[in-house]
C-alpha atoms as a PDB file:
ATOM      1  CA  MET A   1       0.000   0.000   0.000  1.00  0.00           C
ATOM      2  CA  GLU A   2       1.278   3.461  -0.855  1.00  0.00           C
ATOM      3  CA  CYS A   3       2.015   6.007   1.895  1.00  0.00           C
ATOM      4  CA  LYS A   4      -1.412   7.622   1.942  1.00  0.00           C
ATOM      5  CA  SER A   5      -0.386  10.918   3.592  1.00  0.00           C
ATOM      6  CA  ALA A   6       2.639  11.502   1.377  1.00  0.00           C
ATOM      7  CA  LEU A   7       0.521  10.791  -1.668  1.00  0.00           C
ATOM      8  CA  LEU A   8      -2.170  13.133  -0.356  1.00  0.00           C
ATOM      9  CA  VAL A   9       0.303  16.009  -0.140  1.00  0.00           C
ATOM     10  CA  LEU A  10       1.696  15.260  -3.576  1.00  0.00           C
ATOM     11  CA  SER A  11      -1.758  14.998  -5.128  1.00  0.00           C
ATOM     12  CA  ILE A  12      -2.732  18.345  -3.619  1.00  0.00           C
ATOM     13  CA  SER A  13       0.332  20.021  -5.085  1.00  0.00           C
ATOM     14  CA  VAL A  14      -0.260  18.404  -8.475  1.00  0.00           C
ATOM     15  CA  ILE A  15      -3.817  19.698  -8.521  1.00  0.00           C
ATOM     16  CA  ALA A  16      -2.727  23.124  -7.337  1.00  0.00           C
ATOM     17  CA  LEU A  17      -0.168  23.743 -10.053  1.00  0.00           C
ATOM     18  CA  PRO A  18       1.245  21.892 -13.046  1.00  0.00           C
ATOM     19  CA  ALA A  19       4.770  20.661 -12.356  1.00  0.00           C
ATOM     20  CA  CYS A  20       7.395  23.318 -12.827  1.00  0.00           C
ATOM     21  CA  GLY A  21      11.091  22.922 -13.447  1.00  0.00           C
ATOM     22  CA  GLY A  22      10.645  20.938 -16.631  1.00  0.00           C
ATOM     23  CA  ALA A  23      12.239  17.658 -17.626  1.00  0.00           C
ATOM     24  CA  PRO A  24      15.903  17.074 -16.803  1.00  0.00           C
ATOM     25  CA  GLY A  25      18.157  18.763 -19.305  1.00  0.00           C
ATOM     26  CA  PRO A  26      21.440  17.502 -20.722  1.00  0.00           C
ATOM     27  CA  PRO A  27      24.076  16.302 -18.233  1.00  0.00           C
ATOM     28  CA  GLN A  28      25.641  19.140 -16.279  1.00  0.00           C
ATOM     29  CA  THR A  29      29.024  19.299 -14.613  1.00  0.00           C
ATOM     30  CA  MET A  30      28.247  20.332 -11.064  1.00  0.00           C
ATOM     31  CA  ARG A  31      31.066  21.440  -8.779  1.00  0.00           C
ATOM     32  CA  GLY A  32      31.260  22.974  -5.338  1.00  0.00           C
ATOM     33  CA  ARG A  33      28.969  23.191  -2.329  1.00  0.00           C
ATOM     34  CA  TYR A  34      25.254  22.712  -2.855  1.00  0.00           C
ATOM     35  CA  LEU A  35      25.777  21.204  -6.301  1.00  0.00           C
ATOM     36  CA  GLY A  36      27.449  24.415  -7.420  1.00  0.00           C
ATOM     37  CA  GLN A  37      24.210  26.396  -7.187  1.00  0.00           C
ATOM     38  CA  MET A  38      24.251  30.149  -6.666  1.00  0.00           C
ATOM     39  CA  PRO A  39      23.144  30.727  -3.042  1.00  0.00           C
ATOM     40  CA  PRO A  40      19.667  32.271  -2.702  1.00  0.00           C
ATOM     41  CA  GLY A  41      18.793  35.519  -1.004  1.00  0.00           C
ATOM     42  CA  MET A  42      15.663  36.332   0.977  1.00  0.00           C
ATOM     43  CA  THR A  43      13.392  35.148  -1.848  1.00  0.00           C
ATOM     44  CA  PRO A  44      13.038  31.367  -2.277  1.00  0.00           C
ATOM     45  CA  GLU A  45      14.570  29.892  -5.409  1.00  0.00           C
ATOM     46  CA  LEU A  46      14.235  26.524  -7.107  1.00  0.00           C
ATOM     47  CA  PHE A  47      17.081  24.231  -6.018  1.00  0.00           C
ATOM     48  CA  ALA A  48      19.169  22.649  -8.792  1.00  0.00           C
ATOM     49  CA  PRO A  49      16.504  22.929 -11.517  1.00  0.00           C
ATOM     50  CA  GLY A  50      16.583  20.123 -14.058  1.00  0.00           C
ATOM     51  CA  VAL A  51      18.847  18.027 -11.817  1.00  0.00           C
ATOM     52  CA  VAL A  52      17.197  17.723  -8.400  1.00  0.00           C
ATOM     53  CA  SER A  53      14.016  19.709  -9.014  1.00  0.00           C
ATOM     54  CA  THR A  54      12.687  18.285 -12.263  1.00  0.00           C
ATOM     55  CA  GLY A  55       8.915  18.512 -11.872  1.00  0.00           C
ATOM     56  CA  ALA A  56       8.712  14.759 -11.178  1.00  0.00           C
ATOM     57  CA  ASN A  57       7.404  15.347  -7.626  1.00  0.00           C
ATOM     58  CA  GLU A  58      10.500  15.953  -5.496  1.00  0.00           C
ATOM     59  CA  LEU A  59      10.550  16.716  -1.786  1.00  0.00           C
ATOM     60  CA  ASN A  60      12.986  16.885   1.136  1.00  0.00           C
ATOM     61  CA  ALA A  61      16.635  17.917   0.996  1.00  0.00           C
ATOM     62  CA  ALA A  62      19.081  16.413   3.489  1.00  0.00           C
ATOM     63  CA  PHE A  63      22.824  16.981   3.169  1.00  0.00           C
ATOM     64  CA  THR A  64      25.537  15.197   5.107  1.00  0.00           C
ATOM     65  CA  PRO A  65      27.549  17.431   7.488  1.00  0.00           C
ATOM     66  CA  ASP A  66      30.532  17.551   5.110  1.00  0.00           C
ATOM     67  CA  GLY A  67      28.221  18.699   2.317  1.00  0.00           C
ATOM     68  CA  ASN A  68      29.340  15.925  -0.021  1.00  0.00           C
ATOM     69  CA  GLU A  69      26.101  13.909  -0.147  1.00  0.00           C
ATOM     70  CA  LEU A  70      22.498  14.917  -0.736  1.00  0.00           C
ATOM     71  CA  TYR A  71      19.433  12.747  -0.144  1.00  0.00           C
ATOM     72  CA  PHE A  72      15.936  13.658  -1.329  1.00  0.00           C
ATOM     73  CA  THR A  73      12.658  12.011  -2.339  1.00  0.00           C
ATOM     74  CA  ARG A  74      11.380  11.605  -5.883  1.00  0.00           C
ATOM     75  CA  SER A  75       8.182   9.953  -7.096  1.00  0.00           C
ATOM     76  CA  ILE A  76       9.091   7.236  -9.605  1.00  0.00           C
ATOM     77  CA  ASP A  77       6.255   5.346 -11.278  1.00  0.00           C
ATOM     78  CA  GLY A  78       3.911   6.521  -8.523  1.00  0.00           C
ATOM     79  CA  ARG A  79       6.151   5.374  -5.646  1.00  0.00           C
ATOM     80  CA  GLU A  80       8.178   7.696  -3.402  1.00  0.00           C
ATOM     81  CA  THR A  81      11.842   6.721  -3.605  1.00  0.00           C
ATOM     82  CA  LEU A  82      14.969   8.069  -1.922  1.00  0.00           C
ATOM     83  CA  MET A  83      17.516   9.550  -4.301  1.00  0.00           C
ATOM     84  CA  THR A  84      21.129  10.499  -3.670  1.00  0.00           C
ATOM     85  CA  THR A  85      23.969  12.345  -5.329  1.00  0.00           C
ATOM     86  CA  ARG A  86      27.578  12.571  -4.159  1.00  0.00           C
ATOM     87  CA  GLN A  87      30.457  14.898  -4.813  1.00  0.00           C
ATOM     88  CA  VAL A  88      33.588  12.932  -5.724  1.00  0.00           C
ATOM     89  CA  GLU A  89      36.827  14.777  -6.438  1.00  0.00           C
ATOM     90  CA  GLY A  90      34.875  18.011  -6.686  1.00  0.00           C
ATOM     91  CA  VAL A  91      32.258  16.790  -9.183  1.00  0.00           C
ATOM     92  CA  TRP A  92      28.644  15.862  -8.325  1.00  0.00           C
ATOM     93  CA  ALA A  93      27.287  12.667  -9.854  1.00  0.00           C
ATOM     94  CA  PRO A  94      23.795  12.668 -11.418  1.00  0.00           C
ATOM     95  CA  PRO A  95      21.110  11.760  -8.844  1.00  0.00           C
ATOM     96  CA  ALA A  96      20.413   8.025  -8.592  1.00  0.00           C
ATOM     97  CA  ILE A  97      18.205   5.782  -6.448  1.00  0.00           C
ATOM     98  CA  ALA A  98      19.839   5.225  -3.056  1.00  0.00           C
ATOM     99  CA  GLY A  99      21.128   1.682  -2.648  1.00  0.00           C
ATOM    100  CA  PHE A 100      18.704   0.881   0.188  1.00  0.00           C
ATOM    101  CA  SER A 101      15.647   2.312  -1.597  1.00  0.00           C
ATOM    102  CA  GLY A 102      13.583   1.546  -4.678  1.00  0.00           C
ATOM    103  CA  THR A 103      11.528  -1.449  -3.551  1.00  0.00           C
ATOM    104  CA  PHE A 104       9.175   0.053  -0.969  1.00  0.00           C
ATOM    105  CA  THR A 105       7.802   3.544  -0.421  1.00  0.00           C
ATOM    106  CA  ASP A 106      10.619   5.546   1.220  1.00  0.00           C
ATOM    107  CA  VAL A 107      10.382   9.241   2.127  1.00  0.00           C
ATOM    108  CA  ASP A 108      11.685  11.987   4.412  1.00  0.00           C
ATOM    109  CA  PRO A 109      15.459  11.554   4.829  1.00  0.00           C
ATOM    110  CA  TYR A 110      17.049  13.271   7.838  1.00  0.00           C
ATOM    111  CA  ILE A 111      20.777  13.101   8.629  1.00  0.00           C
ATOM    112  CA  THR A 112      22.062  13.740  12.154  1.00  0.00           C
ATOM    113  CA  ARG A 113      24.582  16.492  12.802  1.00  0.00           C
ATOM    114  CA  ASP A 114      27.365  14.013  13.432  1.00  0.00           C
ATOM    115  CA  GLY A 115      26.575  12.249  10.153  1.00  0.00           C
ATOM    116  CA  ARG A 116      26.294   8.854  11.824  1.00  0.00           C
ATOM    117  CA  ARG A 117      22.598   8.211  11.211  1.00  0.00           C
ATOM    118  CA  LEU A 118      20.150   8.696   8.361  1.00  0.00           C
ATOM    119  CA  TYR A 119      16.500   8.509   9.420  1.00  0.00           C
ATOM    120  CA  PHE A 120      13.658   7.979   6.963  1.00  0.00           C
ATOM    121  CA  SER A 121      10.067   6.717   6.764  1.00  0.00           C
ATOM    122  CA  SER A 122       9.183   3.536   4.922  1.00  0.00           C
ATOM    123  CA  THR A 123       6.499   0.945   4.267  1.00  0.00           C
ATOM    124  CA  ARG A 124       9.059  -1.883   4.189  1.00  0.00           C
ATOM    125  CA  PRO A 125       8.071  -4.895   6.309  1.00  0.00           C
ATOM    126  CA  VAL A 126       9.608  -5.124   9.776  1.00  0.00           C
ATOM    127  CA  GLU A 127      10.189  -8.886   9.710  1.00  0.00           C
ATOM    128  CA  GLY A 128       9.900  -9.947   6.105  1.00  0.00           C
ATOM    129  CA  GLY A 129       6.683 -10.654   4.279  1.00  0.00           C
ATOM    130  CA  SER A 130       4.576  -8.200   2.341  1.00  0.00           C
ATOM    131  CA  GLU A 131       4.784  -4.434   2.356  1.00  0.00           C
ATOM    132  CA  ALA A 132       3.501  -2.781   5.528  1.00  0.00           C
ATOM    133  CA  LYS A 133       0.111  -1.082   5.460  1.00  0.00           C
ATOM    134  CA  ASP A 134       1.441   1.990   7.265  1.00  0.00           C
ATOM    135  CA  ALA A 135       4.753   3.873   7.253  1.00  0.00           C
ATOM    136  CA  ASP A 136       7.214   3.587  10.153  1.00  0.00           C
ATOM    137  CA  LEU A 137      10.444   5.340  11.100  1.00  0.00           C
ATOM    138  CA  TRP A 138      13.690   3.591  10.145  1.00  0.00           C
ATOM    139  CA  TYR A 139      17.374   4.499  10.256  1.00  0.00           C
ATOM    140  CA  LEU A 140      20.783   3.596   8.828  1.00  0.00           C
ATOM    141  CA  GLU A 141      24.121   3.663  10.665  1.00  0.00           C
ATOM    142  CA  ARG A 142      27.272   4.921   8.958  1.00  0.00           C
ATOM    143  CA  GLN A 143      29.821   2.110   8.746  1.00  0.00           C
ATOM    144  CA  ALA A 144      33.585   2.309   9.219  1.00  0.00           C
ATOM    145  CA  GLY A 145      34.188   2.237   5.476  1.00  0.00           C
ATOM    146  CA  GLY A 146      31.855   5.156   4.875  1.00  0.00           C
ATOM    147  CA  ASP A 147      28.880   3.225   3.487  1.00  0.00           C
ATOM    148  CA  TRP A 148      25.508   2.956   5.197  1.00  0.00           C
ATOM    149  CA  GLY A 149      24.533  -0.244   6.998  1.00  0.00           C
ATOM    150  CA  GLU A 150      21.253  -2.095   6.585  1.00  0.00           C
ATOM    151  CA  PRO A 151      17.960  -0.315   7.442  1.00  0.00           C
ATOM    152  CA  VAL A 152      16.922  -0.738  11.084  1.00  0.00           C
ATOM    153  CA  HIS A 153      13.357  -0.344  12.346  1.00  0.00           C
ATOM    154  CA  LEU A 154      13.314   2.386  15.003  1.00  0.00           C
ATOM    155  CA  GLY A 155      10.843   0.502  17.183  1.00  0.00           C
ATOM    156  CA  GLY A 156       9.604   2.402  20.274  1.00  0.00           C
ATOM    157  CA  PRO A 157       8.184   5.671  18.955  1.00  0.00           C
ATOM    158  CA  ASN A 158       6.487   4.026  15.965  1.00  0.00           C
ATOM    159  CA  THR A 159       2.735   3.623  16.218  1.00  0.00           C
ATOM    160  CA  GLU A 160       0.553   0.677  15.305  1.00  0.00           C
ATOM    161  CA  GLY A 161      -1.734   1.180  12.328  1.00  0.00           C
ATOM    162  CA  LYS A 162      -0.794   4.839  11.793  1.00  0.00           C
ATOM    163  CA  ASP A 163       1.690   6.548   9.497  1.00  0.00           C
ATOM    164  CA  ASP A 164       4.842   7.904  11.177  1.00  0.00           C
ATOM    165  CA  TYR A 165       6.738  10.498   9.147  1.00  0.00           C
ATOM    166  CA  TYR A 166       9.441  13.143   9.049  1.00  0.00           C
ATOM    167  CA  THR A 167      12.018  12.900  11.819  1.00  0.00           C
ATOM    168  CA  SER A 168      14.049  15.760  13.288  1.00  0.00           C
ATOM    169  CA  LEU A 169      16.362  15.721  16.339  1.00  0.00           C
ATOM    170  CA  SER A 170      17.057  18.389  18.943  1.00  0.00           C
ATOM    171  CA  ASP A 171      20.338  18.761  20.788  1.00  0.00           C
ATOM    172  CA  ASP A 172      19.049  16.883  23.847  1.00  0.00           C
ATOM    173  CA  GLY A 173      18.395  13.817  21.701  1.00  0.00           C
ATOM    174  CA  SER A 174      14.615  14.249  21.486  1.00  0.00           C
ATOM    175  CA  LEU A 175      13.033  13.003  18.283  1.00  0.00           C
ATOM    176  CA  TYR A 176      10.265  15.062  16.672  1.00  0.00           C
ATOM    177  CA  PHE A 177       8.017  13.513  14.037  1.00  0.00           C
ATOM    178  CA  SER A 178       4.426  13.521  12.782  1.00  0.00           C
ATOM    179  CA  ILE A 179       1.744  10.871  13.208  1.00  0.00           C
ATOM    180  CA  PHE A 180      -1.060  10.634  10.659  1.00  0.00           C
ATOM    181  CA  ASP A 181      -4.303   9.181  11.999  1.00  0.00           C
ATOM    182  CA  SER A 182      -5.865   9.643   8.576  1.00  0.00           C
ATOM    183  CA  ASN A 183      -5.505  11.788   5.460  1.00  0.00           C
ATOM    184  CA  SER A 184      -7.169  14.677   7.301  1.00  0.00           C
ATOM    185  CA  ALA A 185      -5.750  14.256  10.826  1.00  0.00           C
ATOM    186  CA  ALA A 186      -2.087  14.601  11.746  1.00  0.00           C
ATOM    187  CA  ASP A 187      -0.215  15.990  14.737  1.00  0.00           C
ATOM    188  CA  ILE A 188       3.367  16.549  15.817  1.00  0.00           C
ATOM    189  CA  TYR A 189       4.953  14.412  18.526  1.00  0.00           C
ATOM    190  CA  ARG A 190       8.171  14.280  20.505  1.00  0.00           C
ATOM    191  CA  ALA A 191       9.897  11.154  21.821  1.00  0.00           C
ATOM    192  CA  ARG A 192      12.511  11.991  24.456  1.00  0.00           C
ATOM    193  CA  ALA A 193      15.920  10.312  24.539  1.00  0.00           C
ATOM    194  CA  GLU A 194      15.810   7.393  26.949  1.00  0.00           C
ATOM    195  CA  ASP A 195      18.280   4.564  27.716  1.00  0.00           C
ATOM    196  CA  GLY A 196      20.035   4.734  24.363  1.00  0.00           C
ATOM    197  CA  GLY A 197      16.748   4.934  22.491  1.00  0.00           C
ATOM    198  CA  PHE A 198      13.511   6.895  22.712  1.00  0.00           C
ATOM    199  CA  GLY A 199      10.593   6.970  25.110  1.00  0.00           C
ATOM    200  CA  PRO A 200       6.921   6.957  24.129  1.00  0.00           C
ATOM    201  CA  PRO A 201       5.750   9.762  21.818  1.00  0.00           C
ATOM    202  CA  GLU A 202       4.154  12.827  23.440  1.00  0.00           C
ATOM    203  CA  ARG A 203       1.914  15.198  21.514  1.00  0.00           C
ATOM    204  CA  VAL A 204       3.504  18.652  21.199  1.00  0.00           C
ATOM    205  CA  GLU A 205       1.100  21.229  22.551  1.00  0.00           C
ATOM    206  CA  GLY A 206       1.354  25.034  22.906  1.00  0.00           C
ATOM    207  CA  GLY A 207      -0.655  25.739  19.774  1.00  0.00           C
ATOM    208  CA  ILE A 208       1.477  23.401  17.651  1.00  0.00           C
ATOM    209  CA  SER A 209      -1.012  20.517  17.358  1.00  0.00           C
ATOM    210  CA  THR A 210      -4.520  21.939  17.011  1.00  0.00           C
ATOM    211  CA  GLY A 211      -6.647  19.297  15.333  1.00  0.00           C
ATOM    212  CA  ALA A 212      -5.889  20.696  11.889  1.00  0.00           C
ATOM    213  CA  LEU A 213      -3.413  18.877   9.649  1.00  0.00           C
ATOM    214  CA  GLU A 214       0.017  19.508  11.251  1.00  0.00           C
ATOM    215  CA  HIS A 215       3.079  17.594  10.128  1.00  0.00           C
ATOM    216  CA  ASP A 216       6.706  17.687   8.936  1.00  0.00           C
ATOM    217  CA  PRO A 217       8.338  19.230  12.027  1.00  0.00           C
ATOM    218  CA  PHE A 218      11.850  20.614  11.866  1.00  0.00           C
ATOM    219  CA  VAL A 219      13.298  21.507  15.263  1.00  0.00           C
ATOM    220  CA  ALA A 220      16.427  23.651  15.460  1.00  0.00           C
ATOM    221  CA  PRO A 221      19.203  21.535  16.976  1.00  0.00           C
ATOM    222  CA  ASP A 222      19.499  24.071  19.817  1.00  0.00           C
ATOM    223  CA  ASP A 223      15.744  23.890  20.457  1.00  0.00           C
ATOM    224  CA  SER A 224      15.283  27.581  19.675  1.00  0.00           C
ATOM    225  CA  TYR A 225      12.475  27.129  17.114  1.00  0.00           C
ATOM    226  CA  LEU A 226      10.166  24.606  15.481  1.00  0.00           C
ATOM    227  CA  ILE A 227       8.979  24.861  11.859  1.00  0.00           C
ATOM    228  CA  PHE A 228       6.071  22.745  10.638  1.00  0.00           C
ATOM    229  CA  THR A 229       3.312  22.529   8.031  1.00  0.00           C
ATOM    230  CA  SER A 230      -0.342  23.199   8.817  1.00  0.00           C
ATOM    231  CA  ASP A 231      -3.584  23.697   6.921  1.00  0.00           C
ATOM    232  CA  ARG A 232      -5.108  25.674   9.820  1.00  0.00           C
ATOM    233  CA  PRO A 233      -7.378  28.593   8.853  1.00  0.00           C
ATOM    234  CA  GLY A 234      -5.832  31.927   7.918  1.00  0.00           C
ATOM    235  CA  GLY A 235      -3.026  30.698   5.678  1.00  0.00           C
ATOM    236  CA  TYR A 236      -2.116  31.618   2.129  1.00  0.00           C
ATOM    237  CA  GLY A 237      -2.997  28.331   0.433  1.00  0.00           C
ATOM    238  CA  SER A 238      -3.521  24.587   0.784  1.00  0.00           C
ATOM    239  CA  ALA A 239      -1.056  24.413   3.688  1.00  0.00           C
ATOM    240  CA  ASP A 240       1.681  26.761   4.894  1.00  0.00           C
ATOM    241  CA  LEU A 241       4.899  26.711   6.873  1.00  0.00           C
ATOM    242  CA  TYR A 242       4.555  27.996  10.447  1.00  0.00           C
ATOM    243  CA  ILE A 243       7.217  28.696  13.059  1.00  0.00           C
ATOM    244  CA  SER A 244       7.157  28.698  16.854  1.00  0.00           C
ATOM    245  CA  PHE A 245      10.020  29.903  19.058  1.00  0.00           C
ATOM    246  CA  ALA A 246      11.119  28.614  22.445  1.00  0.00           C
ATOM    247  CA  ASP A 247      10.286  30.721  25.496  1.00  0.00           C
ATOM    248  CA  PRO A 248      12.847  30.907  28.330  1.00  0.00           C
ATOM    249  CA  ASP A 249      10.738  28.409  30.295  1.00  0.00           C
ATOM    250  CA  GLY A 250      10.999  25.876  27.459  1.00  0.00           C
ATOM    251  CA  SER A 251       7.435  26.250  26.192  1.00  0.00           C
ATOM    252  CA  TRP A 252       6.628  27.101  22.580  1.00  0.00           C
ATOM    253  CA  THR A 253       5.323  30.519  21.561  1.00  0.00           C
ATOM    254  CA  GLU A 254       2.120  30.795  19.551  1.00  0.00           C
ATOM    255  CA  PRO A 255       3.035  29.694  15.992  1.00  0.00           C
ATOM    256  CA  VAL A 256       3.148  32.366  13.309  1.00  0.00           C
ATOM    257  CA  ASN A 257       2.749  31.955   9.572  1.00  0.00           C
ATOM    258  CA  MET A 258       6.140  32.374   7.860  1.00  0.00           C
ATOM    259  CA  GLY A 259       4.598  34.869   5.470  1.00  0.00           C
ATOM    260  CA  GLU A 260       3.952  35.317   1.785  1.00  0.00           C
ATOM    261  CA  SER A 261       7.662  35.419   0.927  1.00  0.00           C
ATOM    262  CA  ILE A 262       7.769  31.704   1.859  1.00  0.00           C
ATOM    263  CA  ASN A 263       4.170  30.539   1.531  1.00  0.00           C
ATOM    264  CA  SER A 264       1.936  30.675  -1.518  1.00  0.00           C
ATOM    265  CA  ALA A 265      -1.426  29.470  -2.780  1.00  0.00           C
ATOM    266  CA  HIS A 266       0.106  25.997  -2.969  1.00  0.00           C
ATOM    267  CA  TYR A 267       1.206  23.353  -0.435  1.00  0.00           C
ATOM    268  CA  GLU A 268       4.427  24.195   1.443  1.00  0.00           C
ATOM    269  CA  PHE A 269       5.977  21.393   3.501  1.00  0.00           C
ATOM    270  CA  CYS A 270       9.195  19.475   4.338  1.00  0.00           C
ATOM    271  CA  ALA A 271      11.150  22.324   5.947  1.00  0.00           C
ATOM    272  CA  MET A 272      14.804  21.473   6.656  1.00  0.00           C
ATOM    273  CA  LEU A 273      17.725  23.661   7.720  1.00  0.00           C
ATOM    274  CA  SER A 274      21.055  23.038   6.022  1.00  0.00           C
ATOM    275  CA  GLN A 275      23.770  21.508   8.193  1.00  0.00           C
ATOM    276  CA  ASP A 276      25.701  24.787   8.263  1.00  0.00           C
ATOM    277  CA  GLY A 277      22.585  26.696   9.327  1.00  0.00           C
ATOM    278  CA  LYS A 278      22.742  29.048   6.339  1.00  0.00           C
ATOM    279  CA  TYR A 279      19.787  27.934   4.208  1.00  0.00           C
ATOM    280  CA  LEU A 280      16.226  26.757   4.707  1.00  0.00           C
ATOM    281  CA  PHE A 281      15.011  24.109   2.269  1.00  0.00           C
ATOM    282  CA  PHE A 282      11.342  23.309   1.736  1.00  0.00           C
ATOM    283  CA  THR A 283       8.992  21.800  -0.829  1.00  0.00           C
ATOM    284  CA  SER A 284       6.402  23.604  -2.946  1.00  0.00           C
ATOM    285  CA  ARG A 285       4.909  23.156  -6.419  1.00  0.00           C
ATOM    286  CA  ASN A 286       6.273  19.566  -6.643  1.00  0.00           C
ATOM    287  CA  ASN A 287       9.841  20.811  -6.279  1.00  0.00           C
ATOM    288  CA  ILE A 288      12.514  21.718  -3.731  1.00  0.00           C
ATOM    289  CA  TYR A 289      13.207  25.360  -2.921  1.00  0.00           C
ATOM    290  CA  TRP A 290      15.817  27.059  -0.743  1.00  0.00           C
ATOM    291  CA  VAL A 291      16.132  30.476   0.836  1.00  0.00           C
ATOM    292  CA  ASP A 292      18.553  32.319   3.106  1.00  0.00           C
ATOM    293  CA  ALA A 293      17.940  31.181   6.695  1.00  0.00           C
ATOM    294  CA  LYS A 294      17.949  34.824   7.806  1.00  0.00           C
ATOM    295  CA  VAL A 295      14.227  34.742   7.053  1.00  0.00           C
ATOM    296  CA  ILE A 296      13.883  32.904  10.367  1.00  0.00           C
ATOM    297  CA  GLU A 297      15.473  35.711  12.362  1.00  0.00           C
ATOM    298  CA  GLY A 298      13.040  38.181  10.849  1.00  0.00           C
ATOM    299  CA  LEU A 299      10.184  36.264  12.481  1.00  0.00           C
ATOM    300  CA  ARG A 300      11.757  35.794  15.917  1.00  0.00           C
ATOM    301  CA  PRO A 301       9.997  37.627  18.790  1.00  0.00           C
ATOM    302  CA  ALA A 302      12.208  40.084  20.636  1.00  0.00           C
ATOM    303  CA  ALA A 303      11.881  38.124  23.892  1.00  0.00           C
ATOM    304  CA  ALA A 304      12.722  34.732  22.405  1.00  0.00           C
ATOM    305  CA  PRO A 305      16.233  33.377  23.108  1.00  0.00           C
ATOM    306  CA  ARG A 306      18.647  33.219  20.210  1.00  0.00           C
ATOM    307  CA  GLY A 307      20.681  30.187  19.267  1.00  0.00           C
ATOM    308  CA  ASP A 308      23.039  29.296  16.453  1.00  0.00           C
ATOM    309  CA  GLY A 309      20.790  26.521  15.164  1.00  0.00           C
ATOM    310  CA  LYS A 310      23.836  24.309  14.653  1.00  0.00           C
ATOM    311  CA  THR A 311      24.498  22.624  17.986  1.00  0.00           C
ATOM    312  CA  PRO A 312      25.450  19.004  17.202  1.00  0.00           C
ATOM    313  CA  CYS A 313      22.865  16.410  18.156  1.00  0.00           C
END
């Protein structure tokens, strides 16, 4: 069974706007950080058009800490698949299906700040057999030789009979993710670090989870802010990116819409800060966009604490 919530988001964006970015062009020689792309300013720009953003339904953007690998999701023949590209001797290879993906529905890559783990969501079976009916959280461990190990089911925080998506880690080891009860009900949860793993998931309150569709949380590694997607009333389109900042007492401020410079009449989701803290990536119009992360500071309340957003997990 396909990941129903991921497909819902993609179908909304397809209906909202024909795919932009066009088909992949001729092979390009890509060199330098971020696939050699010119860094964006305060207005979001399409990331690596024709190479990463091709109009084939792409989402997510997760770089390794050294900046030499990128993982993202692409819909191939109606199935979400994890793609990767690497920079070798200064040249980026064309994106290809990641070695551990391509058989089941795989989405939402997230790489820890130390580069040792890659989290993702998948419908692969836990103990063999047929494809799972709901998506769970999985991870890979980086091996001594530099390759990734075999996928490992995260266990604990995963729910039974519900879709678990989009991991993000704070500096205290807490895992944030979203749980979909149905195509129209999703909330954001946190599982605290506990005995080398994670405790039971707790619903994030403080105006974050409201009963509307809330998902795809990205928490700053220093816990200073939380960005997520919601279709709550008052937005600019199908669903928008919202941000909440941490109060000195550790609670979350009332979320604010990230504004029309980020959001549009379409579906904005999959927010992810680059490992160096300089750029915010997100998905809109079936493609991946990026923007200068200074847009976050422009939304920060004067009383909210400031952090560098880059504290290692």
